[in-house]
Amino acid sequence: MAKLKPETMDTLARTSLSELQRPHVFVVDMINGFIKEGALSDSYIMHITNPIQDLVKQAHATTFICDSHNLDAKEFDAYPIHCIKDTSESEVIDELQPLVKRLIHKNSTNTFMAKEFQDQLPDLLSQFDDFVLVGCCTDICILHFALSLQTFINEHNLSDKRVIVPMNMVETYDIPEVHSRDKANQTACELMINNGIQVVVME
């Protein structure tokens, strides 16, 4: 669970999948390259696996998102080489692999921009109302996807649609003196709340 300031945690609503309206769960980047191996992996993220497993088992509709790059990816101007296409780094971790029914691959930090997602967006909007984002990293791939999806909803006045981020099912990495896990989680949480995203604790 992403660690937040106590005063922030106290404001988060508690909900369950059964209380949501036509939910679709997106499991973002729970892949080897961010948890088990490679330049951007952090094994600490593994602790959100069990609650994600439980959520996915309850859900009728789920999509797993996998970072997947070619060696010449533009993103590598900003990040170390990671999650190369057709390598183990770009694969869903073994613990969640049996639950994968649908996959989307992305070549940037933002799932919303991926062609596979854009191609599916009209169907997603017609079939689902609540879009639940779980996985990693809270302040990068979760945040970018959540903000873009919420902005799209706002632009088109889709009043029956919601973006929901359970803070007990997202996490980010920690690099001492470079990237503070706790600070990144707190900042991302505040940004999402301030932009109309439903930040919750999912029971």
N, C-alpha and C. Protein backbone atom coordinates (compact mmCIF):
# COMPACT_ATOMS: atom_id res chain seq x y z
N MET A 1 0.84 -1.20 0.00
CA MET A 1 0.00 0.00 0.00
C MET A 1 0.87 1.25 0.00
N ALA A 2 0.54 2.19 -0.87
CA ALA A 2 1.28 3.44 -0.90
C ALA A 2 1.13 4.15 0.45
N LYS A 3 2.26 4.52 1.04
CA LYS A 3 2.24 5.20 2.33
C LYS A 3 1.94 6.67 2.13
N LEU A 4 0.93 7.17 2.84
CA LEU A 4 0.53 8.56 2.74
C LEU A 4 0.53 9.20 4.12
N LYS A 5 0.47 10.53 4.16
CA LYS A 5 0.34 11.22 5.43
C LYS A 5 -0.97 10.79 6.10
N PRO A 6 -0.96 10.63 7.42
CA PRO A 6 -2.18 10.19 8.12
C PRO A 6 -3.39 11.06 7.80
N GLU A 7 -3.17 12.38 7.69
CA GLU A 7 -4.29 13.27 7.43
C GLU A 7 -4.86 13.06 6.03
N THR A 8 -4.03 12.58 5.10
CA THR A 8 -4.52 12.25 3.76
C THR A 8 -5.29 10.93 3.78
N MET A 9 -4.71 9.93 4.45
CA MET A 9 -5.37 8.63 4.53
C MET A 9 -6.76 8.75 5.13
N ASP A 10 -6.90 9.62 6.12
CA ASP A 10 -8.18 9.77 6.82
C ASP A 10 -9.28 10.31 5.91
N THR A 11 -8.90 10.97 4.82
CA THR A 11 -9.90 11.56 3.92
C THR A 11 -10.34 10.59 2.82
N LEU A 12 -9.65 9.48 2.65
CA LEU A 12 -9.95 8.58 1.53
C LEU A 12 -11.18 7.72 1.83
N ALA A 13 -12.09 7.69 0.88
CA ALA A 13 -13.27 6.84 1.02
C ALA A 13 -12.86 5.38 0.91
N ARG A 14 -13.60 4.54 1.61
CA ARG A 14 -13.40 3.09 1.50
C ARG A 14 -14.54 2.52 0.66
N THR A 15 -14.17 1.68 -0.28
CA THR A 15 -15.18 1.13 -1.17
C THR A 15 -14.81 -0.30 -1.53
N SER A 16 -15.66 -0.95 -2.28
CA SER A 16 -15.38 -2.30 -2.76
C SER A 16 -15.82 -2.40 -4.21
N LEU A 17 -15.34 -3.41 -4.89
CA LEU A 17 -15.66 -3.57 -6.31
C LEU A 17 -17.17 -3.69 -6.51
N SER A 18 -17.84 -4.34 -5.60
CA SER A 18 -19.29 -4.55 -5.74
C SER A 18 -20.09 -3.25 -5.66
N GLU A 19 -19.49 -2.20 -5.10
CA GLU A 19 -20.17 -0.92 -4.99
C GLU A 19 -20.00 -0.06 -6.24
N LEU A 20 -19.13 -0.47 -7.15
CA LEU A 20 -18.85 0.33 -8.34
C LEU A 20 -19.86 0.04 -9.45
N GLN A 21 -19.89 0.96 -10.42
CA GLN A 21 -20.81 0.84 -11.54
C GLN A 21 -20.08 0.33 -12.78
N ARG A 22 -20.45 -0.85 -13.23
CA ARG A 22 -19.86 -1.45 -14.44
C ARG A 22 -18.33 -1.21 -14.49
N PRO A 23 -17.60 -1.75 -13.51
CA PRO A 23 -16.16 -1.47 -13.42
C PRO A 23 -15.31 -2.26 -14.40
N HIS A 24 -14.21 -1.65 -14.80
CA HIS A 24 -13.16 -2.32 -15.56
C HIS A 24 -11.85 -2.04 -14.84
N VAL A 25 -11.10 -3.09 -14.54
CA VAL A 25 -9.84 -2.96 -13.80
C VAL A 25 -8.66 -3.01 -14.76
N PHE A 26 -7.80 -2.01 -14.67
CA PHE A 26 -6.55 -1.98 -15.43
C PHE A 26 -5.40 -2.23 -14.47
N VAL A 27 -4.65 -3.29 -14.73
CA VAL A 27 -3.47 -3.62 -13.92
C VAL A 27 -2.25 -3.12 -14.68
N VAL A 28 -1.65 -2.06 -14.17
CA VAL A 28 -0.61 -1.33 -14.91
C VAL A 28 0.79 -1.76 -14.49
N ASP A 29 1.54 -2.28 -15.43
CA ASP A 29 2.99 -2.51 -15.29
C ASP A 29 3.39 -3.39 -14.11
N MET A 30 2.58 -4.36 -13.79
CA MET A 30 3.00 -5.36 -12.80
C MET A 30 3.80 -6.42 -13.54
N ILE A 31 4.95 -5.99 -14.01
CA ILE A 31 5.79 -6.80 -14.89
C ILE A 31 7.18 -6.96 -14.28
N ASN A 32 7.92 -7.93 -14.80
CA ASN A 32 9.24 -8.24 -14.24
C ASN A 32 10.17 -7.04 -14.24
N GLY A 33 10.13 -6.23 -15.28
CA GLY A 33 11.07 -5.12 -15.41
C GLY A 33 10.90 -4.01 -14.40
N PHE A 34 9.78 -4.00 -13.68
CA PHE A 34 9.58 -3.00 -12.63
C PHE A 34 9.56 -3.61 -11.23
N ILE A 35 9.66 -4.94 -11.16
CA ILE A 35 9.56 -5.59 -9.85
C ILE A 35 10.70 -6.57 -9.59
N LYS A 36 11.12 -7.33 -10.60
CA LYS A 36 12.04 -8.43 -10.36
C LYS A 36 13.41 -8.31 -11.02
N GLU A 37 13.52 -7.61 -12.12
CA GLU A 37 14.80 -7.56 -12.83
C GLU A 37 14.90 -6.28 -13.65
N GLY A 38 16.13 -5.86 -13.92
CA GLY A 38 16.34 -4.73 -14.79
C GLY A 38 16.62 -3.43 -14.07
N ALA A 39 16.95 -2.40 -14.85
CA ALA A 39 17.43 -1.13 -14.32
C ALA A 39 16.39 -0.38 -13.49
N LEU A 40 15.12 -0.60 -13.74
CA LEU A 40 14.08 0.15 -13.03
C LEU A 40 13.26 -0.71 -12.07
N SER A 41 13.76 -1.88 -11.73
CA SER A 41 12.99 -2.77 -10.86
C SER A 41 13.18 -2.44 -9.38
N ASP A 42 12.12 -2.66 -8.62
CA ASP A 42 12.16 -2.48 -7.17
C ASP A 42 11.27 -3.56 -6.56
N SER A 43 11.88 -4.51 -5.87
CA SER A 43 11.14 -5.65 -5.34
C SER A 43 10.11 -5.25 -4.29
N TYR A 44 10.26 -4.07 -3.72
CA TYR A 44 9.30 -3.61 -2.71
C TYR A 44 7.87 -3.56 -3.27
N ILE A 45 7.77 -3.26 -4.56
CA ILE A 45 6.47 -3.15 -5.21
C ILE A 45 5.69 -4.45 -5.14
N MET A 46 6.40 -5.55 -4.94
CA MET A 46 5.77 -6.88 -4.90
C MET A 46 4.66 -6.96 -3.84
N HIS A 47 4.73 -6.12 -2.82
CA HIS A 47 3.78 -6.26 -1.70
C HIS A 47 2.34 -5.93 -2.08
N ILE A 48 2.12 -5.28 -3.22
CA ILE A 48 0.73 -5.01 -3.63
C ILE A 48 0.15 -6.14 -4.48
N THR A 49 0.94 -7.19 -4.72
CA THR A 49 0.48 -8.28 -5.58
C THR A 49 -0.75 -8.99 -5.02
N ASN A 50 -0.74 -9.32 -3.74
CA ASN A 50 -1.87 -10.07 -3.17
C ASN A 50 -3.20 -9.32 -3.26
N PRO A 51 -3.26 -8.05 -2.86
CA PRO A 51 -4.53 -7.35 -3.01
C PRO A 51 -4.97 -7.21 -4.47
N ILE A 52 -4.00 -7.06 -5.38
CA ILE A 52 -4.36 -6.99 -6.80
C ILE A 52 -4.91 -8.33 -7.28
N GLN A 53 -4.28 -9.42 -6.84
CA GLN A 53 -4.80 -10.75 -7.17
C GLN A 53 -6.26 -10.89 -6.75
N ASP A 54 -6.54 -10.50 -5.51
CA ASP A 54 -7.90 -10.62 -4.98
C ASP A 54 -8.89 -9.78 -5.79
N LEU A 55 -8.47 -8.58 -6.16
CA LEU A 55 -9.34 -7.69 -6.93
C LEU A 55 -9.63 -8.27 -8.31
N VAL A 56 -8.59 -8.73 -8.98
CA VAL A 56 -8.75 -9.26 -10.34
C VAL A 56 -9.64 -10.50 -10.33
N LYS A 57 -9.51 -11.32 -9.31
CA LYS A 57 -10.36 -12.52 -9.22
C LYS A 57 -11.83 -12.16 -9.06
N GLN A 58 -12.10 -11.03 -8.43
CA GLN A 58 -13.49 -10.58 -8.26
C GLN A 58 -14.04 -9.92 -9.52
N ALA A 59 -13.16 -9.33 -10.31
CA ALA A 59 -13.59 -8.49 -11.43
C ALA A 59 -14.05 -9.32 -12.63
N HIS A 60 -15.06 -8.81 -13.31
CA HIS A 60 -15.54 -9.47 -14.53
C HIS A 60 -14.77 -8.99 -15.75
N ALA A 61 -14.17 -7.80 -15.66
CA ALA A 61 -13.45 -7.23 -16.81
C ALA A 61 -12.12 -6.66 -16.35
N THR A 62 -11.05 -7.15 -16.93
CA THR A 62 -9.71 -6.68 -16.56
C THR A 62 -8.82 -6.58 -17.80
N THR A 63 -7.88 -5.66 -17.75
CA THR A 63 -6.85 -5.54 -18.78
C THR A 63 -5.52 -5.33 -18.09
N PHE A 64 -4.52 -6.08 -18.48
CA PHE A 64 -3.17 -5.89 -17.99
C PHE A 64 -2.40 -5.02 -18.98
N ILE A 65 -1.65 -4.06 -18.44
CA ILE A 65 -0.86 -3.14 -19.25
C ILE A 65 0.61 -3.49 -19.09
N CYS A 66 1.32 -3.63 -20.21
CA CYS A 66 2.74 -4.00 -20.18
C CYS A 66 3.59 -2.98 -20.92
N ASP A 67 4.55 -2.41 -20.23
CA ASP A 67 5.56 -1.58 -20.86
C ASP A 67 6.35 -2.45 -21.84
N SER A 68 6.53 -1.98 -23.07
CA SER A 68 7.19 -2.80 -24.09
C SER A 68 7.83 -1.89 -25.13
N HIS A 69 9.16 -1.84 -25.13
CA HIS A 69 9.89 -0.88 -25.98
C HIS A 69 10.82 -1.57 -26.96
N ASN A 70 11.05 -0.90 -28.09
CA ASN A 70 12.17 -1.25 -28.95
C ASN A 70 13.42 -0.58 -28.40
N LEU A 71 14.58 -1.04 -28.84
CA LEU A 71 15.84 -0.51 -28.31
C LEU A 71 16.03 0.97 -28.62
N ASP A 72 15.38 1.47 -29.67
CA ASP A 72 15.55 2.87 -30.04
C ASP A 72 14.42 3.75 -29.50
N ALA A 73 13.75 3.31 -28.46
CA ALA A 73 12.60 4.05 -27.91
C ALA A 73 13.00 5.46 -27.48
N LYS A 74 12.21 6.43 -27.86
CA LYS A 74 12.45 7.82 -27.48
C LYS A 74 12.46 8.00 -25.96
N GLU A 75 11.69 7.19 -25.26
CA GLU A 75 11.62 7.28 -23.80
C GLU A 75 12.97 7.08 -23.14
N PHE A 76 13.88 6.39 -23.81
CA PHE A 76 15.19 6.13 -23.22
C PHE A 76 16.07 7.38 -23.17
N ASP A 77 15.59 8.50 -23.73
CA ASP A 77 16.28 9.77 -23.51
C ASP A 77 16.11 10.23 -22.07
N ALA A 78 15.05 9.78 -21.42
CA ALA A 78 14.75 10.21 -20.06
C ALA A 78 14.94 9.11 -19.02
N TYR A 79 14.82 7.86 -19.43
CA TYR A 79 14.91 6.72 -18.51
C TYR A 79 15.95 5.72 -19.00
N PRO A 80 16.54 4.95 -18.09
CA PRO A 80 17.45 3.87 -18.51
C PRO A 80 16.70 2.86 -19.39
N ILE A 81 17.45 2.15 -20.20
CA ILE A 81 16.85 1.11 -21.04
C ILE A 81 16.15 0.08 -20.14
N HIS A 82 14.91 -0.23 -20.49
CA HIS A 82 14.11 -1.14 -19.66
C HIS A 82 12.99 -1.76 -20.50
N CYS A 83 12.51 -2.90 -20.06
CA CYS A 83 11.31 -3.54 -20.61
C CYS A 83 11.31 -3.60 -22.14
N ILE A 84 12.37 -4.18 -22.67
CA ILE A 84 12.48 -4.34 -24.12
C ILE A 84 11.46 -5.38 -24.59
N LYS A 85 10.83 -5.08 -25.70
CA LYS A 85 9.82 -5.95 -26.30
C LYS A 85 10.35 -7.38 -26.46
N ASP A 86 9.50 -8.35 -26.14
CA ASP A 86 9.81 -9.78 -26.29
C ASP A 86 10.92 -10.26 -25.36
N THR A 87 11.14 -9.55 -24.25
CA THR A 87 12.04 -10.04 -23.21
C THR A 87 11.23 -10.28 -21.95
N SER A 88 11.83 -10.96 -20.99
CA SER A 88 11.11 -11.27 -19.75
C SER A 88 10.74 -10.02 -18.97
N GLU A 89 11.52 -8.94 -19.14
CA GLU A 89 11.20 -7.70 -18.42
C GLU A 89 9.82 -7.16 -18.78
N SER A 90 9.37 -7.39 -19.99
CA SER A 90 8.09 -6.84 -20.43
C SER A 90 6.92 -7.78 -20.17
N GLU A 91 7.16 -8.86 -19.43
CA GLU A 91 6.11 -9.84 -19.16
C GLU A 91 5.51 -9.66 -17.76
N VAL A 92 4.24 -9.92 -17.63
CA VAL A 92 3.56 -9.88 -16.33
C VAL A 92 4.22 -10.87 -15.38
N ILE A 93 4.38 -10.47 -14.12
CA ILE A 93 5.03 -11.35 -13.14
C ILE A 93 4.26 -12.68 -13.01
N ASP A 94 4.99 -13.72 -12.68
CA ASP A 94 4.41 -15.07 -12.61
C ASP A 94 3.20 -15.14 -11.69
N GLU A 95 3.25 -14.38 -10.60
CA GLU A 95 2.18 -14.44 -9.61
C GLU A 95 0.83 -13.97 -10.16
N LEU A 96 0.87 -13.12 -11.17
CA LEU A 96 -0.37 -12.60 -11.77
C LEU A 96 -0.65 -13.18 -13.15
N GLN A 97 0.32 -13.84 -13.72
CA GLN A 97 0.21 -14.35 -15.09
C GLN A 97 -1.05 -15.20 -15.32
N PRO A 98 -1.41 -16.09 -14.38
CA PRO A 98 -2.61 -16.91 -14.62
C PRO A 98 -3.91 -16.12 -14.73
N LEU A 99 -3.89 -14.87 -14.29
CA LEU A 99 -5.10 -14.05 -14.29
C LEU A 99 -5.22 -13.17 -15.53
N VAL A 100 -4.22 -13.21 -16.39
CA VAL A 100 -4.21 -12.35 -17.58
C VAL A 100 -5.19 -12.88 -18.63
N LYS A 101 -6.14 -12.04 -19.00
CA LYS A 101 -7.08 -12.39 -20.08
C LYS A 101 -6.92 -11.46 -21.28
N ARG A 102 -6.57 -10.22 -20.98
CA ARG A 102 -6.40 -9.23 -22.04
C ARG A 102 -5.17 -8.40 -21.74
N LEU A 103 -4.38 -8.12 -22.79
CA LEU A 103 -3.14 -7.35 -22.65
C LEU A 103 -3.16 -6.13 -23.56
N ILE A 104 -2.59 -5.05 -23.06
CA ILE A 104 -2.28 -3.88 -23.88
C ILE A 104 -0.81 -3.56 -23.68
N HIS A 105 -0.09 -3.32 -24.76
CA HIS A 105 1.32 -2.95 -24.70
C HIS A 105 1.44 -1.45 -24.94
N LYS A 106 2.37 -0.83 -24.23
CA LYS A 106 2.58 0.61 -24.39
C LYS A 106 4.06 0.92 -24.56
N ASN A 107 4.33 2.00 -25.28
CA ASN A 107 5.70 2.41 -25.57
C ASN A 107 6.04 3.74 -24.89
N SER A 108 5.23 4.12 -23.91
CA SER A 108 5.50 5.33 -23.14
C SER A 108 4.97 5.11 -21.73
N THR A 109 5.10 6.11 -20.89
CA THR A 109 4.60 5.99 -19.52
C THR A 109 3.08 6.08 -19.46
N ASN A 110 2.44 6.47 -20.56
CA ASN A 110 1.01 6.78 -20.53
C ASN A 110 0.18 5.79 -21.35
N THR A 111 -0.51 4.91 -20.67
CA THR A 111 -1.37 3.93 -21.33
C THR A 111 -2.38 4.59 -22.26
N PHE A 112 -2.89 5.74 -21.87
CA PHE A 112 -3.92 6.41 -22.66
C PHE A 112 -3.46 6.69 -24.08
N MET A 113 -2.17 6.91 -24.26
CA MET A 113 -1.63 7.24 -25.58
C MET A 113 -1.35 6.02 -26.44
N ALA A 114 -1.39 4.83 -25.86
CA ALA A 114 -1.07 3.61 -26.61
C ALA A 114 -2.14 3.34 -27.66
N LYS A 115 -1.71 2.98 -28.86
CA LYS A 115 -2.65 2.72 -29.95
C LYS A 115 -3.64 1.61 -29.57
N GLU A 116 -3.14 0.57 -28.92
CA GLU A 116 -4.03 -0.53 -28.53
C GLU A 116 -5.15 -0.04 -27.61
N PHE A 117 -4.81 0.88 -26.70
CA PHE A 117 -5.83 1.43 -25.82
C PHE A 117 -6.79 2.32 -26.59
N GLN A 118 -6.26 3.19 -27.43
CA GLN A 118 -7.11 4.09 -28.21
C GLN A 118 -8.08 3.32 -29.10
N ASP A 119 -7.61 2.22 -29.66
CA ASP A 119 -8.48 1.39 -30.51
C ASP A 119 -9.64 0.80 -29.72
N GLN A 120 -9.39 0.51 -28.44
CA GLN A 120 -10.41 -0.13 -27.61
C GLN A 120 -11.29 0.88 -26.85
N LEU A 121 -10.88 2.15 -26.84
CA LEU A 121 -11.56 3.14 -26.01
C LEU A 121 -13.06 3.27 -26.30
N PRO A 122 -13.50 3.33 -27.56
CA PRO A 122 -14.95 3.43 -27.79
C PRO A 122 -15.75 2.29 -27.16
N ASP A 123 -15.24 1.07 -27.28
CA ASP A 123 -15.93 -0.08 -26.68
C ASP A 123 -15.89 -0.01 -25.16
N LEU A 124 -14.76 0.41 -24.61
CA LEU A 124 -14.65 0.54 -23.16
C LEU A 124 -15.67 1.54 -22.61
N LEU A 125 -15.82 2.65 -23.31
CA LEU A 125 -16.74 3.68 -22.86
C LEU A 125 -18.20 3.24 -22.97
N SER A 126 -18.49 2.39 -23.93
CA SER A 126 -19.87 1.93 -24.10
C SER A 126 -20.24 0.84 -23.11
N GLN A 127 -19.24 0.11 -22.61
CA GLN A 127 -19.51 -1.04 -21.75
C GLN A 127 -19.28 -0.80 -20.26
N PHE A 128 -18.46 0.22 -19.93
CA PHE A 128 -18.04 0.40 -18.53
C PHE A 128 -18.17 1.85 -18.09
N ASP A 129 -18.36 2.03 -16.79
CA ASP A 129 -18.49 3.38 -16.22
C ASP A 129 -17.35 3.73 -15.27
N ASP A 130 -16.91 2.77 -14.46
CA ASP A 130 -15.84 3.02 -13.49
C ASP A 130 -14.56 2.33 -13.95
N PHE A 131 -13.51 3.11 -14.08
CA PHE A 131 -12.22 2.60 -14.55
C PHE A 131 -11.24 2.60 -13.38
N VAL A 132 -10.86 1.42 -12.95
CA VAL A 132 -10.04 1.23 -11.75
C VAL A 132 -8.60 0.97 -12.17
N LEU A 133 -7.67 1.80 -11.69
CA LEU A 133 -6.26 1.68 -12.07
C LEU A 133 -5.45 1.21 -10.87
N VAL A 134 -4.75 0.10 -11.03
CA VAL A 134 -3.88 -0.43 -9.97
C VAL A 134 -2.53 -0.78 -10.57
N GLY A 135 -1.51 -0.91 -9.71
CA GLY A 135 -0.18 -1.31 -10.18
C GLY A 135 0.88 -0.27 -9.89
N CYS A 136 1.82 -0.11 -10.81
CA CYS A 136 2.93 0.80 -10.59
C CYS A 136 3.30 1.54 -11.89
N CYS A 137 3.97 2.65 -11.79
CA CYS A 137 4.34 3.32 -10.55
C CYS A 137 3.36 4.46 -10.28
N THR A 138 3.03 4.67 -9.03
CA THR A 138 2.00 5.63 -8.64
C THR A 138 2.18 6.99 -9.29
N ASP A 139 3.40 7.50 -9.26
CA ASP A 139 3.68 8.87 -9.70
C ASP A 139 4.07 8.97 -11.16
N ILE A 140 4.10 7.86 -11.88
CA ILE A 140 4.47 7.91 -13.30
C ILE A 140 3.34 7.30 -14.12
N CYS A 141 3.36 6.00 -14.31
CA CYS A 141 2.40 5.37 -15.22
C CYS A 141 0.96 5.41 -14.71
N ILE A 142 0.75 5.25 -13.42
CA ILE A 142 -0.60 5.38 -12.86
C ILE A 142 -1.08 6.82 -12.99
N LEU A 143 -0.26 7.76 -12.57
CA LEU A 143 -0.63 9.18 -12.60
C LEU A 143 -0.92 9.65 -14.02
N HIS A 144 -0.04 9.33 -14.96
CA HIS A 144 -0.22 9.80 -16.34
C HIS A 144 -1.50 9.24 -16.95
N PHE A 145 -1.75 7.96 -16.75
CA PHE A 145 -2.96 7.32 -17.27
C PHE A 145 -4.20 7.93 -16.63
N ALA A 146 -4.17 8.06 -15.31
CA ALA A 146 -5.33 8.59 -14.59
C ALA A 146 -5.66 10.01 -15.02
N LEU A 147 -4.65 10.87 -15.11
CA LEU A 147 -4.90 12.26 -15.50
C LEU A 147 -5.42 12.36 -16.92
N SER A 148 -4.84 11.59 -17.83
CA SER A 148 -5.28 11.64 -19.23
C SER A 148 -6.71 11.12 -19.39
N LEU A 149 -7.01 10.02 -18.73
CA LEU A 149 -8.36 9.46 -18.82
C LEU A 149 -9.38 10.40 -18.19
N GLN A 150 -9.04 10.98 -17.05
CA GLN A 150 -9.96 11.92 -16.41
C GLN A 150 -10.15 13.17 -17.26
N THR A 151 -9.08 13.65 -17.87
CA THR A 151 -9.18 14.83 -18.74
C THR A 151 -10.08 14.55 -19.93
N PHE A 152 -9.96 13.35 -20.51
CA PHE A 152 -10.82 12.95 -21.62
C PHE A 152 -12.28 12.93 -21.17
N ILE A 153 -12.53 12.37 -20.02
CA ILE A 153 -13.89 12.32 -19.47
C ILE A 153 -14.45 13.74 -19.28
N ASN A 154 -13.62 14.63 -18.76
CA ASN A 154 -14.04 16.02 -18.56
C ASN A 154 -14.32 16.71 -19.89
N GLU A 155 -13.43 16.54 -20.84
CA GLU A 155 -13.56 17.19 -22.15
C GLU A 155 -14.88 16.83 -22.83
N HIS A 156 -15.29 15.59 -22.66
CA HIS A 156 -16.49 15.11 -23.34
C HIS A 156 -17.72 15.05 -22.42
N ASN A 157 -17.59 15.66 -21.24
CA ASN A 157 -18.71 15.73 -20.30
C ASN A 157 -19.37 14.37 -20.05
N LEU A 158 -18.53 13.38 -19.81
CA LEU A 158 -19.03 12.02 -19.57
C LEU A 158 -19.32 11.87 -18.08
N SER A 159 -20.45 12.40 -17.67
CA SER A 159 -20.75 12.52 -16.24
C SER A 159 -20.95 11.18 -15.54
N ASP A 160 -21.17 10.11 -16.31
CA ASP A 160 -21.37 8.80 -15.69
C ASP A 160 -20.08 8.00 -15.57
N LYS A 161 -18.96 8.58 -16.00
CA LYS A 161 -17.68 7.86 -15.98
C LYS A 161 -16.81 8.37 -14.83
N ARG A 162 -16.05 7.45 -14.22
CA ARG A 162 -15.14 7.82 -13.13
C ARG A 162 -13.82 7.08 -13.28
N VAL A 163 -12.75 7.74 -12.87
CA VAL A 163 -11.44 7.11 -12.73
C VAL A 163 -11.20 6.89 -11.25
N ILE A 164 -10.88 5.66 -10.88
CA ILE A 164 -10.74 5.28 -9.48
C ILE A 164 -9.36 4.67 -9.25
N VAL A 165 -8.63 5.19 -8.27
CA VAL A 165 -7.30 4.68 -7.95
C VAL A 165 -7.27 4.25 -6.48
N PRO A 166 -7.23 2.95 -6.22
CA PRO A 166 -7.11 2.47 -4.83
C PRO A 166 -5.65 2.59 -4.36
N MET A 167 -5.42 3.40 -3.36
CA MET A 167 -4.05 3.64 -2.92
C MET A 167 -3.42 2.43 -2.24
N ASN A 168 -4.24 1.46 -1.85
CA ASN A 168 -3.68 0.23 -1.28
C ASN A 168 -3.30 -0.79 -2.35
N MET A 169 -3.44 -0.39 -3.62
CA MET A 169 -3.07 -1.28 -4.71
C MET A 169 -2.18 -0.60 -5.74
N VAL A 170 -1.52 0.47 -5.33
CA VAL A 170 -0.52 1.13 -6.17
C VAL A 170 0.75 1.32 -5.35
N GLU A 171 1.87 1.45 -6.04
CA GLU A 171 3.15 1.65 -5.35
C GLU A 171 4.16 2.21 -6.34
N THR A 172 5.24 2.76 -5.81
CA THR A 172 6.32 3.26 -6.65
C THR A 172 7.66 2.82 -6.08
N TYR A 173 8.71 3.16 -6.78
CA TYR A 173 10.06 2.73 -6.40
C TYR A 173 10.73 3.76 -5.50
N ASP A 174 11.83 3.37 -4.91
CA ASP A 174 12.59 4.27 -4.04
C ASP A 174 14.07 4.23 -4.42
N ILE A 175 14.65 5.40 -4.62
CA ILE A 175 16.10 5.54 -4.80
C ILE A 175 16.56 6.61 -3.82
N PRO A 176 17.32 6.25 -2.79
CA PRO A 176 17.73 7.24 -1.78
C PRO A 176 18.35 8.48 -2.40
N GLU A 177 17.89 9.64 -1.95
CA GLU A 177 18.37 10.96 -2.37
C GLU A 177 18.06 11.28 -3.83
N VAL A 178 17.32 10.42 -4.50
CA VAL A 178 16.96 10.66 -5.91
C VAL A 178 15.44 10.64 -6.08
N HIS A 179 14.80 9.61 -5.57
CA HIS A 179 13.36 9.43 -5.76
C HIS A 179 12.78 8.84 -4.48
N SER A 180 12.18 9.69 -3.67
CA SER A 180 11.60 9.26 -2.41
C SER A 180 10.24 8.60 -2.65
N ARG A 181 10.13 7.33 -2.28
CA ARG A 181 8.87 6.61 -2.47
C ARG A 181 7.71 7.32 -1.78
N ASP A 182 7.89 7.67 -0.52
CA ASP A 182 6.80 8.27 0.24
C ASP A 182 6.39 9.63 -0.33
N LYS A 183 7.37 10.44 -0.68
CA LYS A 183 7.06 11.75 -1.25
C LYS A 183 6.36 11.62 -2.59
N ALA A 184 6.83 10.69 -3.42
CA ALA A 184 6.23 10.49 -4.74
C ALA A 184 4.79 10.01 -4.62
N ASN A 185 4.54 9.08 -3.71
CA ASN A 185 3.16 8.60 -3.51
C ASN A 185 2.25 9.72 -3.02
N GLN A 186 2.74 10.51 -2.07
CA GLN A 186 1.94 11.60 -1.52
C GLN A 186 1.61 12.64 -2.59
N THR A 187 2.63 13.04 -3.34
CA THR A 187 2.43 14.06 -4.38
C THR A 187 1.47 13.57 -5.45
N ALA A 188 1.64 12.33 -5.90
CA ALA A 188 0.75 11.77 -6.92
C ALA A 188 -0.68 11.70 -6.42
N CYS A 189 -0.84 11.28 -5.18
CA CYS A 189 -2.18 11.20 -4.58
C CYS A 189 -2.86 12.57 -4.58
N GLU A 190 -2.14 13.59 -4.15
CA GLU A 190 -2.70 14.93 -4.09
C GLU A 190 -3.06 15.45 -5.49
N LEU A 191 -2.19 15.20 -6.46
CA LEU A 191 -2.47 15.63 -7.83
C LEU A 191 -3.73 14.97 -8.38
N MET A 192 -3.88 13.69 -8.11
CA MET A 192 -5.06 12.98 -8.61
C MET A 192 -6.33 13.49 -7.95
N ILE A 193 -6.29 13.66 -6.63
CA ILE A 193 -7.47 14.18 -5.93
C ILE A 193 -7.85 15.55 -6.46
N ASN A 194 -6.86 16.42 -6.64
CA ASN A 194 -7.11 17.78 -7.09
C ASN A 194 -7.65 17.85 -8.52
N ASN A 195 -7.51 16.75 -9.26
CA ASN A 195 -8.00 16.72 -10.64
C ASN A 195 -9.26 15.88 -10.81
N GLY A 196 -9.92 15.57 -9.71
CA GLY A 196 -11.22 14.92 -9.79
C GLY A 196 -11.20 13.41 -9.87
N ILE A 197 -10.03 12.82 -9.70
CA ILE A 197 -9.92 11.36 -9.70
C ILE A 197 -10.34 10.84 -8.32
N GLN A 198 -11.04 9.72 -8.31
CA GLN A 198 -11.51 9.14 -7.06
C GLN A 198 -10.40 8.29 -6.45
N VAL A 199 -9.70 8.85 -5.48
CA VAL A 199 -8.62 8.14 -4.80
C VAL A 199 -9.22 7.50 -3.55
N VAL A 200 -9.10 6.19 -3.44
CA VAL A 200 -9.83 5.45 -2.42
C VAL A 200 -8.96 4.37 -1.78
N VAL A 201 -9.53 3.69 -0.81
CA VAL A 201 -9.01 2.43 -0.31
C VAL A 201 -10.01 1.36 -0.71
N MET A 202 -9.56 0.36 -1.44
CA MET A 202 -10.45 -0.69 -1.93
C MET A 202 -10.42 -1.88 -0.99
N GLU A 203 -11.56 -2.24 -0.46
CA GLU A 203 -11.65 -3.33 0.51
C GLU A 203 -12.07 -4.63 -0.15
